């Protein structure tokens, strides 16, 4: 009896067994590998260290009888042939030895290995036909055996192939990492071309492999998941382990806003800009969108947002980010005020000042206090400069430059806290540091005698002053003499000279910016005492008539006067009220009757003494 397996020939009887499996049984048993055929069984390998992923399971090589009766044999499994006459497996069994074992005499079984995948046939050929057709055995088996002499075996050395499927569109593939933006259901679909798929095994995060029985569902945030999987066919061919690295990013990006440039709270400058930065846990940032006011949010942020084109007033910035798996951040807003207006500088003049027409006068004592107001951001600083002098930072009231009398100007600048500049304010003025020059004169009677000025009550004092700048404001004066000092008075019109005797005059003037001249002094003598007048008759009285003295005809009347201060000016006489007063020092009484003589003695200041004499000439 002969059997053919492919191109190999064995002499057999009845039953072919492999690794303890009776030919024709409908269940699979583990088959040793070729390398394990003569080895002693080993204990399972210890579990891998925690940091190392678990290895795939160890799957023995085995046989599988399909429901159709087809026998599948693992291509790598060693095949031993047993011969028995009892189909129940209870009878005697003999392992067949091939010719090599018989020749060597050790009678140790040597396994048979199939050469390739696919169908193989064991044939019990007809003896007569076998000898005739030996040359045609490989291709014409049907010609050397009866149909009942054919036994079909299929060798399977190909592992299954598993495809991983997901239905989430929101995903991003970066290298060997897939990031999902939605909960994901992973389905493993294995296929096998021969014996068919027995099981699929999966391992998460390096854990030991387990049989996969349903799609894998992942619904929460996961920074990184390592899924390892493989399929096993029914004869123990495992698929090489495949890995799928993925992450679930279910959170939106987070955008931070930085305001770069001048800002006071939410009051911003045209020179301010917005810078946006976004972070994302997994998928990374795909785009940043930003808008101001009514612009569409579809504007992509590519560079800092400048505010120099915006009008002054309230505005709103809206911004959000989108990550690589379409997670969109909630739109954030920032309401702000764009301040384009500079401060408004102002000044306050403290101290001496005077407007003459359109010209403003200051003195050396004048102070200029500077202020500024701003509608939003507030004033940062005030600066100033006189004429073409360098600009300085204002800290306290300033004084004009100490220069000669003349025109100056003050430049005032201001800046608010978001760098808006004020329009420069200019203050023009005349700097007047010079006091007026006062002087005096007298009107009316006055005599200078022996180096002294003599005045009387009819004399008048006139004060005046000259000023080159703001003009004279007032002249004040006072007299002091033998009596108590008079209070100071303001000169307004000619003043009659008071008192009697030696008098001192003090006067001073100031201009309209309070430049005060040095006190001026003058001394003079006030003489309001008239001369002392004397009448002398050359003859004595002859008697009385009606109470009047009687003088003889031809009597001479002499006139004389003395003045203690300024001396005499003249003596005038008038007889009986008729005719002009004549200057006389004596007169002759040559007319008989009653007479009246009026005599006036005047000193050099015009002080007059009048004396009347009535008498009778006989």
Protein backbone atom coordinates (compact mmCIF):
# COMPACT_ATOMS: atom_id res chain seq x y z
CA UNK A 1 0.00 0.00 0.00
CA UNK A 2 1.42 3.35 -0.96
CA UNK A 3 0.37 6.95 -0.12
CA UNK A 4 1.31 10.11 -1.96
CA UNK A 5 1.53 13.51 -0.18
CA UNK A 6 2.23 16.11 -2.78
CA UNK A 7 5.33 14.74 -4.42
CA UNK A 8 6.31 12.69 -1.36
CA UNK A 9 5.62 8.97 -1.13
CA UNK A 10 4.96 6.93 2.04
CA UNK A 11 3.84 3.41 2.60
CA UNK A 12 0.85 3.61 4.96
CA UNK A 13 -2.01 1.67 6.29
CA UNK A 14 -5.47 3.01 7.16
CA UNK A 15 -4.96 6.09 9.42
CA UNK A 16 -2.61 9.08 9.30
CA UNK A 17 -2.07 10.93 12.60
CA UNK A 18 -0.17 14.10 13.40
CA UNK A 19 1.11 15.03 16.81
CA UNK A 20 -1.47 12.86 18.47
CA UNK A 21 -4.46 13.98 16.37
CA UNK A 22 -6.37 11.13 14.71
CA UNK A 23 -6.99 11.90 11.08
CA UNK A 24 -10.54 12.93 10.52
CA UNK A 25 -11.35 14.25 14.06
CA UNK A 26 -13.37 17.52 14.24
CA UNK A 27 -11.45 19.35 16.97
CA UNK A 28 -8.10 21.20 17.10
CA UNK A 29 -5.25 20.30 19.38
CA UNK A 30 -2.05 22.30 20.02
CA UNK A 31 0.81 21.40 17.69
CA UNK A 32 4.49 21.86 18.60
CA UNK A 33 6.68 23.90 16.34
CA UNK A 34 9.52 22.27 14.45
CA UNK A 35 11.98 23.64 16.97
CA UNK A 36 9.84 22.35 19.82
CA UNK A 37 9.42 18.89 18.38
CA UNK A 38 12.22 17.44 20.43
CA UNK A 39 12.33 20.01 23.24
CA UNK A 40 11.21 19.64 26.83
CA UNK A 41 8.06 21.77 27.60
CA UNK A 42 8.87 25.10 29.26
CA UNK A 43 7.02 27.10 31.92
CA UNK A 44 5.31 30.32 30.79
CA UNK A 45 7.62 33.36 30.57
CA UNK A 46 7.37 35.80 33.49
CA UNK A 47 5.40 39.00 32.97
CA UNK A 48 7.33 41.91 31.51
CA UNK A 49 8.45 44.73 33.73
CA UNK A 50 5.90 47.48 34.22
CA UNK A 51 7.71 49.88 31.91
CA UNK A 52 7.85 47.35 29.08
CA UNK A 53 4.72 46.48 27.04
CA UNK A 54 3.40 42.99 27.52
CA UNK A 55 4.45 40.54 24.77
CA UNK A 56 1.86 38.80 22.62
CA UNK A 57 0.45 35.55 23.93
CA UNK A 58 2.08 32.23 23.01
CA UNK A 59 -0.18 30.33 20.60
CA UNK A 60 0.54 26.66 19.82
CA UNK A 61 0.49 25.31 16.28
CA UNK A 62 -2.60 23.17 15.74
CA UNK A 63 -5.00 21.44 13.36
CA UNK A 64 -8.47 22.59 12.49
CA UNK A 65 -11.23 20.60 10.88
CA UNK A 66 -13.75 22.84 9.21
CA UNK A 67 -17.48 22.04 9.37
CA UNK A 68 -17.15 20.89 5.75
CA UNK A 69 -14.64 18.26 6.91
CA UNK A 70 -11.62 19.96 5.41
CA UNK A 71 -8.54 19.55 7.58
CA UNK A 72 -6.29 22.58 8.04
CA UNK A 73 -2.76 22.05 9.26
CA UNK A 74 -0.36 24.70 10.43
CA UNK A 75 2.35 24.92 7.81
CA UNK A 76 5.06 25.06 10.47
CA UNK A 77 3.65 22.12 12.46
CA UNK A 78 5.60 18.79 12.38
CA UNK A 79 3.50 15.92 11.00
CA UNK A 80 3.83 12.41 12.48
CA UNK A 81 1.98 9.51 10.87
CA UNK A 82 0.31 6.91 13.07
CA UNK A 83 -1.29 3.72 11.94
CA UNK A 84 -4.28 2.15 13.73
CA UNK A 85 -7.08 -0.21 12.88
CA UNK A 86 -9.54 1.31 15.32
CA UNK A 87 -11.33 4.52 14.34
CA UNK A 88 -12.39 5.12 17.92
CA UNK A 89 -8.80 5.78 18.98
CA UNK A 90 -8.88 2.98 21.54
CA UNK A 91 -7.03 0.41 19.51
CA UNK A 92 -3.36 -0.10 19.02
CA UNK A 93 -1.46 2.82 17.44
CA UNK A 94 1.91 2.69 15.72
CA UNK A 95 3.96 5.70 14.68
CA UNK A 96 5.36 5.08 11.22
CA UNK A 97 9.05 5.37 10.70
CA UNK A 98 10.35 6.71 7.44
CA UNK A 99 13.16 5.07 5.49
CA UNK A 100 15.80 7.27 7.13
CA UNK A 101 14.82 6.15 10.59
CA UNK A 102 14.83 2.52 9.47
CA UNK A 103 18.18 2.82 7.82
CA UNK A 104 19.82 4.47 10.80
CA UNK A 105 18.35 1.90 13.06
CA UNK A 106 17.56 4.33 15.90
CA UNK A 107 13.82 3.92 15.18
CA UNK A 108 13.26 7.53 16.27
CA UNK A 109 10.28 9.16 14.47
CA UNK A 110 11.10 12.00 12.12
CA UNK A 111 8.30 14.52 11.38
CA UNK A 112 6.97 15.48 8.01
CA UNK A 113 6.67 19.20 7.10
CA UNK A 114 4.53 20.56 4.31
CA UNK A 115 6.45 22.67 1.84
CA UNK A 116 3.94 25.46 1.17
CA UNK A 117 0.47 26.74 1.82
CA UNK A 118 -2.58 25.37 0.17
CA UNK A 119 -4.04 21.98 -0.70
CA UNK A 120 -2.11 18.77 -0.15
CA UNK A 121 -3.30 15.22 -0.92
CA UNK A 122 -2.55 11.82 0.63
CA UNK A 123 -3.08 9.14 -2.01
CA UNK A 124 -3.28 5.30 -1.79
CA UNK A 125 -2.39 4.43 -5.41
CA UNK A 126 -3.27 1.22 -7.33
CA UNK A 127 -0.19 -1.00 -7.28
CA UNK A 128 -0.26 -1.92 -10.95
CA UNK A 129 -0.93 1.57 -12.14
CA UNK A 130 1.56 3.01 -9.73
CA UNK A 131 4.47 1.18 -11.31
CA UNK A 132 3.33 2.16 -14.79
CA UNK A 133 2.75 5.80 -14.03
CA UNK A 134 5.51 6.57 -11.52
CA UNK A 135 6.87 9.28 -13.84
CA UNK A 136 3.49 11.03 -13.91
CA UNK A 137 2.67 10.92 -10.22
CA UNK A 138 3.02 14.61 -9.47
CA UNK A 139 0.50 15.81 -12.01
CA UNK A 140 -1.75 12.87 -12.72
CA UNK A 141 -2.66 11.34 -9.36
CA UNK A 142 -6.14 10.51 -10.53
CA UNK A 143 -4.76 7.98 -12.98
CA UNK A 144 -3.05 5.84 -10.36
CA UNK A 145 -5.64 5.70 -7.58
CA UNK A 146 -9.33 5.18 -6.95
CA UNK A 147 -11.36 8.19 -5.71
CA UNK A 148 -11.72 6.65 -2.29
CA UNK A 149 -7.96 6.58 -1.95
CA UNK A 150 -7.60 10.42 -1.83
CA UNK A 151 -7.21 12.29 1.51
CA UNK A 152 -7.23 16.18 1.31
CA UNK A 153 -5.16 18.36 3.72
CA UNK A 154 -4.76 22.14 3.57
CA UNK A 155 -1.54 23.66 4.97
CA UNK A 156 -1.90 27.19 6.39
CA UNK A 157 1.23 29.23 7.19
CA UNK A 158 -0.21 32.70 6.56
CA UNK A 159 -1.36 34.82 9.53
CA UNK A 160 -4.55 36.87 9.41
CA UNK A 161 -4.53 40.59 8.60
CA UNK A 162 -6.44 43.07 10.73
CA UNK A 163 -7.70 46.44 9.59
CA UNK A 164 -8.45 49.18 12.14
CA UNK A 165 -11.39 51.43 11.36
CA UNK A 166 -12.77 54.59 12.95
CA UNK A 167 -15.59 56.86 11.81
CA UNK A 168 -14.45 60.15 13.38
CA UNK A 169 -13.74 62.84 10.79
CA UNK A 170 -12.32 65.29 13.30
CA UNK A 171 -8.84 63.87 13.47
CA UNK A 172 -5.26 64.86 12.88
CA UNK A 173 -2.43 62.51 11.94
CA UNK A 174 1.01 63.58 13.07
CA UNK A 175 3.60 60.97 12.23
CA UNK A 176 2.38 57.73 13.79
CA UNK A 177 0.03 59.55 16.19
CA UNK A 178 -3.64 60.09 15.42
CA UNK A 179 -5.47 62.72 17.46
CA UNK A 180 -9.25 62.57 17.60
CA UNK A 181 -11.43 65.53 18.40
CA UNK A 182 -14.54 63.49 19.24
CA UNK A 183 -15.18 60.28 21.21
CA UNK A 184 -14.01 57.42 19.04
CA UNK A 185 -15.20 53.85 18.40
CA UNK A 186 -12.41 51.61 17.12
CA UNK A 187 -13.41 48.53 15.18
CA UNK A 188 -10.91 45.77 14.40
CA UNK A 189 -11.76 43.79 11.25
CA UNK A 190 -9.54 40.73 10.72
CA UNK A 191 -9.47 38.57 7.59
CA UNK A 192 -7.79 35.23 6.83
CA UNK A 193 -7.59 33.41 3.47
CA UNK A 194 -7.33 29.81 4.68
CA UNK A 195 -8.30 28.41 8.05
CA UNK A 196 -10.09 31.61 9.11
CA UNK A 197 -9.84 33.92 12.10
CA UNK A 198 -10.13 32.47 15.53
CA UNK A 199 -9.65 35.55 17.76
CA UNK A 200 -8.39 39.13 17.93
CA UNK A 201 -6.26 40.14 20.87
CA UNK A 202 -5.75 43.68 22.17
CA UNK A 203 -3.49 45.38 24.70
CA UNK A 204 -3.92 48.90 26.06
CA UNK A 205 -1.04 50.83 27.50
CA UNK A 206 1.28 47.82 27.53
CA UNK A 207 -1.09 45.64 29.58
CA UNK A 208 -1.37 41.91 28.85
CA UNK A 209 -3.25 40.97 25.68
CA UNK A 210 -6.87 39.97 26.04
CA UNK A 211 -9.41 38.69 23.56
CA UNK A 212 -11.25 41.50 21.83
CA UNK A 213 -14.96 40.82 21.69
CA UNK A 214 -16.47 44.20 20.78
CA UNK A 215 -15.49 47.57 19.29
CA UNK A 216 -13.33 49.66 21.58
CA UNK A 217 -14.98 52.87 22.74
CA UNK A 218 -13.00 55.86 24.03
CA UNK A 219 -15.03 58.84 25.19
CA UNK A 220 -12.90 60.89 27.56
CA UNK A 221 -9.89 63.16 27.32
CA UNK A 222 -6.79 61.02 26.77
CA UNK A 223 -3.35 62.49 26.26
CA UNK A 224 -1.91 59.34 24.64
CA UNK A 225 -3.23 55.83 24.18
CA UNK A 226 -1.19 52.89 22.88
CA UNK A 227 -3.35 50.22 21.36
CA UNK A 228 -1.60 46.97 20.32
CA UNK A 229 -3.52 44.28 18.49
CA UNK A 230 -3.22 41.17 16.38
CA UNK A 231 -5.39 38.38 15.07
CA UNK A 232 -4.91 34.61 15.37
CA UNK A 233 -6.15 32.07 12.82
CA UNK A 234 -7.55 28.64 13.64
CA UNK A 235 -4.26 26.80 13.22
CA UNK A 236 -2.27 29.08 15.52
CA UNK A 237 -0.77 31.57 13.06
CA UNK A 238 -0.59 34.92 14.91
CA UNK A 239 -0.53 38.18 13.02
CA UNK A 240 2.51 40.37 13.76
CA UNK A 241 1.54 42.78 16.50
CA UNK A 242 0.33 46.10 15.18
CA UNK A 243 0.32 49.35 17.12
CA UNK A 244 -2.03 52.28 16.93
CA UNK A 245 -1.05 55.39 18.87
CA UNK A 246 -3.81 57.89 19.36
CA UNK A 247 -4.99 60.64 21.65
CA UNK A 248 -8.38 62.16 22.39
CA UNK A 249 -8.41 65.93 22.47
CA UNK A 250 -11.88 66.98 23.53
CA UNK A 251 -10.87 70.34 24.95
CA UNK A 252 -10.62 73.59 23.06
CA UNK A 253 -7.47 75.67 22.82
CA UNK A 254 -6.82 78.46 25.30
CA UNK A 255 -5.92 81.86 23.91
CA UNK A 256 -4.15 84.48 25.96
CA UNK A 257 -4.17 88.13 25.09
CA UNK A 258 -1.25 90.43 25.74
CA UNK A 259 -1.58 94.16 25.38
CA UNK A 260 1.73 95.56 24.19
CA UNK A 261 2.31 99.29 24.31
CA UNK A 262 0.85 102.23 26.20
CA UNK A 263 -2.18 101.34 28.27
CA UNK A 264 -3.95 102.48 31.41
CA UNK A 265 -6.34 99.74 32.35
CA UNK A 266 -8.57 99.40 29.30
CA UNK A 267 -7.70 102.82 27.92
CA UNK A 268 -5.33 102.21 25.03
CA UNK A 269 -3.23 104.22 22.61
CA UNK A 270 -3.11 104.14 18.79
CA UNK A 271 0.43 102.83 19.36
CA UNK A 272 -0.84 99.85 21.37
CA UNK A 273 -1.17 96.44 19.74
CA UNK A 274 -2.73 93.13 20.68
CA UNK A 275 -0.70 89.94 20.64
CA UNK A 276 -2.52 86.61 20.82
CA UNK A 277 -0.94 83.32 21.88
CA UNK A 278 -2.72 79.99 22.05
CA UNK A 279 -1.93 76.68 23.68
CA UNK A 280 -3.62 73.33 23.08
CA UNK A 281 -3.28 70.10 25.04
CA UNK A 282 -3.06 67.67 22.14
CA UNK A 283 -3.85 68.52 18.55
CA UNK A 284 -2.14 71.86 18.52
CA UNK A 285 -3.49 75.16 17.27
CA UNK A 286 -4.79 75.28 13.74
CA UNK A 287 -5.89 78.89 13.56
CA UNK A 288 -6.56 81.97 15.66
CA UNK A 289 -9.40 84.22 14.61
CA UNK A 290 -9.85 87.80 15.71
CA UNK A 291 -12.02 90.77 14.93
CA UNK A 292 -12.56 94.32 16.16
CA UNK A 293 -16.10 95.64 16.28
CA UNK A 294 -18.14 94.48 13.29
CA UNK A 295 -15.40 92.79 11.29
CA UNK A 296 -16.18 89.08 10.68
CA UNK A 297 -14.63 86.61 13.09
CA UNK A 298 -13.26 84.77 10.04
CA UNK A 299 -10.22 87.02 10.01
CA UNK A 300 -7.19 84.87 10.75
CA UNK A 301 -4.72 86.22 13.23
CA UNK A 302 -1.33 86.29 11.53
CA UNK A 303 0.48 89.13 13.22
CA UNK A 304 -0.08 91.59 16.12
CA UNK A 305 -3.26 93.63 15.75
CA UNK A 306 -2.52 97.34 15.47
CA UNK A 307 -4.99 99.98 16.61
CA UNK A 308 -3.66 102.97 14.70
CA UNK A 309 -6.57 102.98 12.20
CA UNK A 310 -9.33 103.00 14.80
CA UNK A 311 -11.31 106.09 15.68
CA UNK A 312 -11.33 107.37 19.22
CA UNK A 313 -13.97 105.76 21.36
CA UNK A 314 -15.23 102.41 22.63
CA UNK A 315 -14.34 99.24 20.72
CA UNK A 316 -14.58 95.50 21.24
CA UNK A 317 -12.01 92.84 20.39
CA UNK A 318 -13.37 89.31 19.84
CA UNK A 319 -11.06 86.34 19.44
CA UNK A 320 -11.05 82.54 19.55
CA UNK A 321 -8.88 79.62 18.45
CA UNK A 322 -9.45 76.38 16.60
CA UNK A 323 -7.27 73.34 17.18
CA UNK A 324 -6.23 70.67 14.71
CA UNK A 325 -9.27 68.50 15.42
CA UNK A 326 -11.83 71.29 15.12
CA UNK A 327 -12.29 72.03 18.82
CA UNK A 328 -13.23 75.70 18.91
CA UNK A 329 -12.58 77.92 21.87
CA UNK A 330 -15.45 79.96 23.26
CA UNK A 331 -15.23 83.46 21.82
CA UNK A 332 -13.54 85.83 24.25
CA UNK A 333 -14.14 89.58 24.25
CA UNK A 334 -12.30 92.64 25.43
CA UNK A 335 -13.99 96.03 25.58
CA UNK A 336 -11.55 98.91 25.46
CA UNK A 337 -11.40 102.64 24.84
CA UNK A 338 -9.03 104.01 22.20
CA UNK A 339 -7.71 107.37 23.35
CA UNK A 340 -6.40 109.61 20.57
CA UNK A 341 -6.79 112.94 22.37
CA UNK A 342 -3.82 114.57 23.99
CA UNK A 343 -4.10 116.44 27.28
CA UNK A 344 -5.06 120.10 27.44
CA UNK A 345 -2.31 122.17 29.07
CA UNK A 346 -3.17 125.23 31.11
CA UNK A 347 -1.31 127.74 33.24
CA UNK A 348 -2.03 129.89 36.21
CA UNK A 349 -0.08 133.06 36.91
CA UNK A 350 0.79 133.39 40.55
CA UNK A 351 1.99 136.79 41.74
CA UNK A 352 2.85 139.92 39.79
CA UNK A 353 1.14 140.39 36.45
CA UNK A 354 -0.31 143.19 34.42
CA UNK A 355 -2.03 143.49 31.08
CA UNK A 356 -1.36 146.66 29.19
CA UNK A 357 -3.40 146.47 26.06
CA UNK A 358 -2.55 143.04 24.67
CA UNK A 359 0.80 142.82 26.38
CA UNK A 360 1.27 140.77 29.53
CA UNK A 361 3.96 141.85 31.98
CA UNK A 362 5.66 139.69 34.62
CA UNK A 363 8.16 140.55 37.31
CA UNK A 364 11.02 138.51 38.67
CA UNK A 365 8.70 137.39 41.47
CA UNK A 366 6.03 136.02 39.16
CA UNK A 367 5.44 132.27 39.26
CA UNK A 368 3.74 130.25 36.53
CA UNK A 369 1.94 127.12 37.68
CA UNK A 370 1.32 124.58 34.92
CA UNK A 371 -1.53 122.09 34.83
CA UNK A 372 -3.11 119.76 32.29
CA UNK A 373 -6.31 117.78 32.07
CA UNK A 374 -6.99 114.59 30.09
CA UNK A 375 -10.32 113.04 29.19
CA UNK A 376 -9.41 109.37 29.71
CA UNK A 377 -5.94 108.03 30.37
CA UNK A 378 -4.81 110.84 32.64
CA UNK A 379 -1.80 113.13 32.44
CA UNK A 380 1.61 111.48 32.52
CA UNK A 381 3.83 114.56 32.51
CA UNK A 382 4.04 118.28 31.74
CA UNK A 383 7.10 119.81 30.10
CA UNK A 384 8.12 123.41 29.56
CA UNK A 385 10.82 125.59 28.11
CA UNK A 386 11.49 129.34 27.93
CA UNK A 387 12.32 130.80 24.56
CA UNK A 388 14.73 128.42 22.85
CA UNK A 389 15.99 126.84 26.04
CA UNK A 390 15.85 123.00 26.29
CA UNK A 391 12.58 121.42 27.37
CA UNK A 392 12.42 120.45 31.05
CA UNK A 393 10.08 118.29 33.09
CA UNK A 394 7.67 120.38 35.11
CA UNK A 395 7.66 119.75 38.84
CA UNK A 396 6.75 123.03 40.54
CA UNK A 397 5.82 126.60 39.55
CA UNK A 398 8.47 128.22 37.39
CA UNK A 399 9.82 131.76 37.16
CA UNK A 400 10.76 133.73 34.05
CA UNK A 401 14.36 133.72 32.93
CA UNK A 402 16.47 136.27 34.75
CA UNK A 403 17.23 138.48 31.81
CA UNK A 404 17.06 142.19 31.05
CA UNK A 405 13.74 143.80 30.39
CA UNK A 406 12.20 142.34 27.27
CA UNK A 407 9.94 139.87 25.54
CA UNK A 408 9.99 136.18 26.57
CA UNK A 409 7.78 133.21 25.77
CA UNK A 410 7.01 129.98 27.59
CA UNK A 411 6.37 126.75 25.69
CA UNK A 412 4.10 124.26 27.49
CA UNK A 413 3.81 120.62 26.46
CA UNK A 414 1.93 117.68 27.99
CA UNK A 415 1.67 113.95 27.45
CA UNK A 416 -0.97 111.55 28.69
CA UNK A 417 -0.38 108.05 30.01
CA UNK A 418 -0.91 106.47 26.60
CA UNK A 419 1.64 108.79 24.91
CA UNK A 420 -0.82 111.16 23.26
CA UNK A 421 0.87 114.55 22.95
CA UNK A 422 -0.85 117.84 23.64
CA UNK A 423 -0.78 120.69 21.19
CA UNK A 424 1.94 123.01 22.44
CA UNK A 425 0.70 126.08 24.26
CA UNK A 426 2.72 129.29 24.07
CA UNK A 427 2.59 132.08 26.61
CA UNK A 428 4.11 135.39 25.50
CA UNK A 429 4.97 138.05 28.05
CA UNK A 430 7.34 140.91 28.82
CA UNK A 431 9.76 140.31 31.62
CA UNK A 432 10.00 143.51 33.65
CA UNK A 433 12.50 143.40 36.50
CA UNK A 434 13.09 147.16 36.63
CA UNK A 435 11.45 149.52 39.14
CA UNK A 436 10.22 152.95 38.05
CA UNK A 437 12.31 156.09 38.55
CA UNK A 438 10.43 158.59 40.74
CA UNK A 439 11.11 162.34 41.00
CA UNK A 440 9.59 165.42 42.65
CA UNK A 441 9.19 169.14 42.16
CA UNK A 442 7.48 172.06 43.90
CA UNK A 443 5.04 174.54 42.53
CA UNK A 444 4.39 177.96 43.98
CA UNK A 445 6.49 179.99 46.43
CA UNK A 446 9.93 178.62 47.08
CA UNK A 447 13.22 180.14 48.01
CA UNK A 448 16.61 178.62 48.23
CA UNK A 449 18.68 180.58 50.67
CA UNK A 450 21.95 179.66 52.17
CA UNK A 451 21.69 176.11 50.73
CA UNK A 452 18.25 175.39 52.06
CA UNK A 453 14.93 175.26 50.33
CA UNK A 454 12.15 177.31 51.90
CA UNK A 455 8.50 176.69 51.19
CA UNK A 456 5.25 177.86 52.53
CA UNK A 457 1.74 176.50 52.81
CA UNK A 458 0.94 177.87 49.38
CA UNK A 459 3.74 175.82 47.88
CA UNK A 460 2.68 172.50 46.26
CA UNK A 461 4.48 169.15 45.96
CA UNK A 462 4.25 167.33 42.62
CA UNK A 463 5.50 163.69 42.36
CA UNK A 464 6.08 161.79 39.12
CA UNK A 465 7.83 158.59 37.93
CA UNK A 466 9.02 157.04 34.71
CA UNK A 467 8.83 153.30 33.98
CA UNK A 468 10.17 151.37 30.97
CA UNK A 469 7.96 148.33 31.33
CA UNK A 470 4.54 147.71 32.78
CA UNK A 471 4.01 151.32 33.77
CA UNK A 472 3.74 153.18 37.04
CA UNK A 473 1.10 151.87 39.40
CA UNK A 474 1.41 154.45 42.22
CA UNK A 475 3.65 156.87 44.06
CA UNK A 476 3.38 157.04 47.80
CA UNK A 477 4.76 159.69 50.14
CA UNK A 478 4.77 161.04 53.66
CA UNK A 479 6.05 164.09 55.52
CA UNK A 480 7.87 164.07 58.80
CA UNK A 481 8.75 167.14 60.82
CA UNK A 482 8.70 168.41 64.32
CA UNK A 483 5.38 166.74 64.94
CA UNK A 484 4.71 162.99 64.74
CA UNK A 485 5.41 161.31 61.41
CA UNK A 486 2.51 161.54 59.00
CA UNK A 487 1.03 158.31 57.56
CA UNK A 488 1.97 157.34 54.04
CA UNK A 489 -0.34 158.64 51.36
CA UNK A 490 -0.72 157.92 47.65
CA UNK A 491 0.02 160.83 45.40
CA UNK A 492 -2.85 161.79 43.16
CA UNK A 493 -2.59 165.57 42.66
CA UNK A 494 -0.39 168.47 43.76
CA UNK A 495 -0.16 168.58 47.55
CA UNK A 496 0.08 171.75 49.64
CA UNK A 497 3.02 171.70 51.98
CA UNK A 498 1.90 171.41 55.58
CA UNK A 499 3.55 172.36 58.86
CA UNK A 500 6.06 174.91 60.00
CA UNK A 501 9.74 174.47 60.29
CA UNK A 502 12.08 171.79 59.01
CA UNK A 503 10.18 169.05 57.15
CA UNK A 504 11.40 165.80 55.58
CA UNK A 505 9.74 164.17 52.55
CA UNK A 506 9.97 160.42 51.79
CA UNK A 507 8.43 159.00 48.65
CA UNK A 508 8.65 155.84 46.57
CA UNK A 509 7.00 154.41 43.49
CA UNK A 510 6.15 150.95 42.20
CA UNK A 511 5.12 149.76 38.80
CA UNK A 512 2.19 147.58 37.82
CA UNK A 513 4.12 144.36 38.47
CA UNK A 514 5.12 145.57 41.94
CA UNK A 515 8.70 146.53 41.19
CA UNK A 516 9.34 148.99 44.01
CA UNK A 517 11.78 151.86 43.59
CA UNK A 518 14.17 152.83 46.35
CA UNK A 519 12.79 155.41 48.78
CA UNK A 520 13.66 158.96 47.80
CA UNK A 521 14.12 161.72 50.38
CA UNK A 522 14.03 165.53 50.37
CA UNK A 523 14.35 168.10 53.18
CA UNK A 524 13.07 171.69 53.22
CA UNK A 525 11.95 174.42 55.57
CA UNK A 526 8.35 175.50 55.75
CA UNK A 527 7.93 179.21 56.54
CA UNK A 528 4.40 180.36 57.01
CA UNK A 529 5.31 183.16 59.48
CA UNK A 530 4.91 186.69 57.99
CA UNK A 531 7.43 189.48 58.64
CA UNK A 532 7.21 191.70 61.68
CA UNK A 533 6.18 195.27 60.59
CA UNK A 534 7.11 198.50 62.38
CA UNK A 535 5.64 202.11 61.94
CA UNK A 536 7.54 205.00 63.52
CA UNK A 537 6.42 208.72 63.63
CA UNK A 538 9.13 211.38 63.66
CA UNK A 539 7.12 213.64 65.98
CA UNK A 540 5.28 212.83 69.13
CA UNK A 541 1.51 212.97 69.50
CA UNK A 542 -0.06 216.34 70.04
CA UNK A 543 -3.08 214.84 71.63
CA UNK A 544 -6.23 212.95 70.78
CA UNK A 545 -9.20 213.73 68.67
CA UNK A 546 -12.05 211.35 68.83
CA UNK A 547 -9.69 208.76 70.12
CA UNK A 548 -7.19 209.21 67.24
CA UNK A 549 -3.67 210.51 67.81
CA UNK A 550 -2.89 213.96 66.48
CA UNK A 551 0.38 214.62 64.64
CA UNK A 552 1.64 218.00 63.39
CA UNK A 553 1.86 218.63 59.69
CA UNK A 554 5.20 217.60 58.21
CA UNK A 555 5.61 214.64 60.51
CA UNK A 556 7.49 211.72 58.86
CA UNK A 557 6.20 208.19 59.19
CA UNK A 558 8.91 205.48 58.79
CA UNK A 559 8.08 201.89 57.67
CA UNK A 560 10.31 198.96 58.68
CA UNK A 561 9.95 195.14 58.84
CA UNK A 562 12.03 192.11 59.76
CA UNK A 563 11.73 188.37 58.79
CA UNK A 564 13.48 185.65 60.71
CA UNK A 565 13.71 183.01 57.94
CA UNK A 566 13.75 184.04 54.33
CA UNK A 567 14.05 187.81 54.62
CA UNK A 568 12.00 190.71 53.33
CA UNK A 569 10.75 191.15 49.87
CA UNK A 570 8.92 194.52 49.99
CA UNK A 571 6.79 196.97 51.96
CA UNK A 572 3.73 198.54 50.32
CA UNK A 573 1.66 201.44 51.64
CA UNK A 574 -1.69 202.91 50.66
CA UNK A 575 -3.12 206.20 52.07
CA UNK A 576 -6.81 206.66 52.61
CA UNK A 577 -7.71 203.69 50.36
CA UNK A 578 -7.08 205.57 47.18
CA UNK A 579 -4.38 205.11 44.62
CA UNK A 580 -2.03 202.20 44.22
CA UNK A 581 0.03 200.65 46.88
CA UNK A 582 3.50 201.91 46.56
CA UNK A 583 6.75 200.62 47.88
CA UNK A 584 7.80 202.96 50.56
CA UNK A 585 10.08 203.12 53.52
CA UNK A 586 8.74 206.52 54.79
CA UNK A 587 6.13 209.16 54.03
CA UNK A 588 5.47 212.79 54.99
CA UNK A 589 2.21 213.81 56.59
CA UNK A 590 1.52 217.07 54.73
CA UNK A 591 -2.23 217.06 54.37
CA UNK A 592 -4.43 218.18 57.20
CA UNK A 593 -7.31 216.09 58.36
CA UNK A 594 -8.09 212.56 59.24
CA UNK A 595 -6.06 209.89 57.45
CA UNK A 596 -5.82 206.09 57.22
CA UNK A 597 -2.63 204.37 56.14
CA UNK A 598 -2.50 200.60 55.30
CA UNK A 599 0.98 199.09 55.21
CA UNK A 600 1.85 195.53 53.91
CA UNK A 601 5.18 193.86 54.62
CA UNK A 602 5.88 190.77 52.42
CA UNK A 603 8.74 188.30 52.85
CA UNK A 604 10.36 186.39 50.02
CA UNK A 605 7.84 183.53 50.23
CA UNK A 606 4.91 185.92 50.00
CA UNK A 607 4.00 185.75 53.66
CA UNK A 608 2.30 189.17 54.31
CA UNK A 609 1.87 191.27 57.42
CA UNK A 610 -0.72 194.10 57.16
CA UNK A 611 -0.86 196.99 59.59
CA UNK A 612 -3.31 199.93 59.59
CA UNK A 613 -2.70 203.32 61.23
CA UNK A 614 -5.39 206.03 61.65
CA UNK A 615 -4.51 209.54 62.84
CA UNK A 616 -5.26 213.29 62.50
CA UNK A 617 -2.83 215.80 60.95
CA UNK A 618 -3.15 219.39 62.17
